[in-house]
Amino acid sequence: MSYTAELPWPVPDERFRHWAGQFADMHELVRGLVIPPGLPHAAEGVLTTARELIRMSYYRYKSS
């Protein structure tokens, strides 16, 4: 038996209307979150992921 579940398409989270009118505005929101040079690779990866999670939080990922 083969079952392929499709993930729901993300929609903008209504709570973000105060900070960003559209997803493109999120780039400006995180622009100042600069990763300091000279960090260990692992630390740089964690901070980069955190910055991208903030950017992607514009969308609401709801399963139902």
C-alpha atoms as a PDB file:
ATOM      1  CA  MET A   1       0.000   0.000   0.000  1.00  0.00           C
ATOM      2  CA  SER A   2       1.441   3.322  -1.041  1.00  0.00           C
ATOM      3  CA  TYR A   3       0.295   6.540   0.593  1.00  0.00           C
ATOM      4  CA  THR A   4       1.706   9.968  -0.173  1.00  0.00           C
ATOM      5  CA  ALA A   5       0.611  12.658   2.225  1.00  0.00           C
ATOM      6  CA  GLU A   6       0.810  16.158   0.844  1.00  0.00           C
ATOM      7  CA  LEU A   7       1.992  18.837   3.174  1.00  0.00           C
ATOM      8  CA  PRO A   8      -0.400  21.760   3.582  1.00  0.00           C
ATOM      9  CA  TRP A   9       0.606  24.877   1.676  1.00  0.00           C
ATOM     10  CA  PRO A  10       1.886  27.494   4.155  1.00  0.00           C
ATOM     11  CA  VAL A  11      -0.165  30.636   4.533  1.00  0.00           C
ATOM     12  CA  PRO A  12       0.960  33.926   6.062  1.00  0.00           C
ATOM     13  CA  ASP A  13       0.553  34.024   9.820  1.00  0.00           C
ATOM     14  CA  GLU A  14      -1.892  36.816  10.624  1.00  0.00           C
ATOM     15  CA  ARG A  15       0.161  37.808  13.667  1.00  0.00           C
ATOM     16  CA  PHE A  16       2.970  39.016  11.394  1.00  0.00           C
ATOM     17  CA  ARG A  17       0.898  41.782   9.808  1.00  0.00           C
ATOM     18  CA  HIS A  18       2.349  44.149  12.443  1.00  0.00           C
ATOM     19  CA  TRP A  19       5.953  43.580  11.288  1.00  0.00           C
ATOM     20  CA  ALA A  20       5.761  42.480   7.667  1.00  0.00           C
ATOM     21  CA  GLY A  21       3.051  43.021   5.096  1.00  0.00           C
ATOM     22  CA  GLN A  22       4.507  40.372   2.800  1.00  0.00           C
ATOM     23  CA  PHE A  23       7.219  37.728   2.902  1.00  0.00           C
ATOM     24  CA  ALA A  24       9.691  39.974   1.058  1.00  0.00           C
ATOM     25  CA  ASP A  25       9.586  42.347   4.057  1.00  0.00           C
ATOM     26  CA  MET A  26      11.074  39.591   6.216  1.00  0.00           C
ATOM     27  CA  HIS A  27      14.413  40.014   4.426  1.00  0.00           C
ATOM     28  CA  GLU A  28      14.657  43.538   5.808  1.00  0.00           C
ATOM     29  CA  LEU A  29      13.587  42.360   9.246  1.00  0.00           C
ATOM     30  CA  VAL A  30      16.523  39.930   9.546  1.00  0.00           C
ATOM     31  CA  ARG A  31      19.075  42.009   7.608  1.00  0.00           C
ATOM     32  CA  GLY A  32      20.583  43.365  10.830  1.00  0.00           C
ATOM     33  CA  LEU A  33      21.102  39.898  12.285  1.00  0.00           C
ATOM     34  CA  VAL A  34      24.669  39.635  11.074  1.00  0.00           C
ATOM     35  CA  ILE A  35      26.715  36.522  11.821  1.00  0.00           C
ATOM     36  CA  PRO A  36      30.023  37.662  13.362  1.00  0.00           C
ATOM     37  CA  PRO A  37      33.101  36.605  11.412  1.00  0.00           C
ATOM     38  CA  GLY A  38      35.499  34.113  12.935  1.00  0.00           C
ATOM     39  CA  LEU A  39      32.947  31.890  14.644  1.00  0.00           C
ATOM     40  CA  PRO A  40      33.446  28.144  14.713  1.00  0.00           C
ATOM     41  CA  HIS A  41      31.645  26.485  11.817  1.00  0.00           C
ATOM     42  CA  ALA A  42      29.089  24.825  14.113  1.00  0.00           C
ATOM     43  CA  ALA A  43      28.172  28.110  15.805  1.00  0.00           C
ATOM     44  CA  GLU A  44      27.862  29.854  12.446  1.00  0.00           C
ATOM     45  CA  GLY A  45      25.522  27.113  11.280  1.00  0.00           C
ATOM     46  CA  VAL A  46      23.294  27.429  14.341  1.00  0.00           C
ATOM     47  CA  LEU A  47      23.020  31.209  13.994  1.00  0.00           C
ATOM     48  CA  THR A  48      22.341  30.993  10.269  1.00  0.00           C
ATOM     49  CA  THR A  49      19.572  28.472  10.888  1.00  0.00           C
ATOM     50  CA  ALA A  50      18.082  30.680  13.633  1.00  0.00           C
ATOM     51  CA  ARG A  51      18.054  33.688  11.295  1.00  0.00           C
ATOM     52  CA  GLU A  52      16.328  31.671   8.575  1.00  0.00           C
ATOM     53  CA  LEU A  53      13.765  30.321  11.039  1.00  0.00           C
ATOM     54  CA  ILE A  54      12.878  33.899  11.954  1.00  0.00           C
ATOM     55  CA  ARG A  55      12.480  34.745   8.264  1.00  0.00           C
ATOM     56  CA  MET A  56      10.320  31.683   7.605  1.00  0.00           C
ATOM     57  CA  SER A  57       8.156  32.314  10.670  1.00  0.00           C
ATOM     58  CA  TYR A  58       6.206  34.695   8.453  1.00  0.00           C
ATOM     59  CA  TYR A  59       4.288  31.620   7.355  1.00  0.00           C
ATOM     60  CA  ARG A  60       2.002  29.574   9.515  1.00  0.00           C
ATOM     61  CA  TYR A  61       2.440  25.862   9.130  1.00  0.00           C
ATOM     62  CA  LYS A  62      -0.771  24.333  10.383  1.00  0.00           C
ATOM     63  CA  SER A  63      -1.613  20.678   9.900  1.00  0.00           C
ATOM     64  CA  SER A  64      -5.352  21.089   9.988  1.00  0.00           C
END
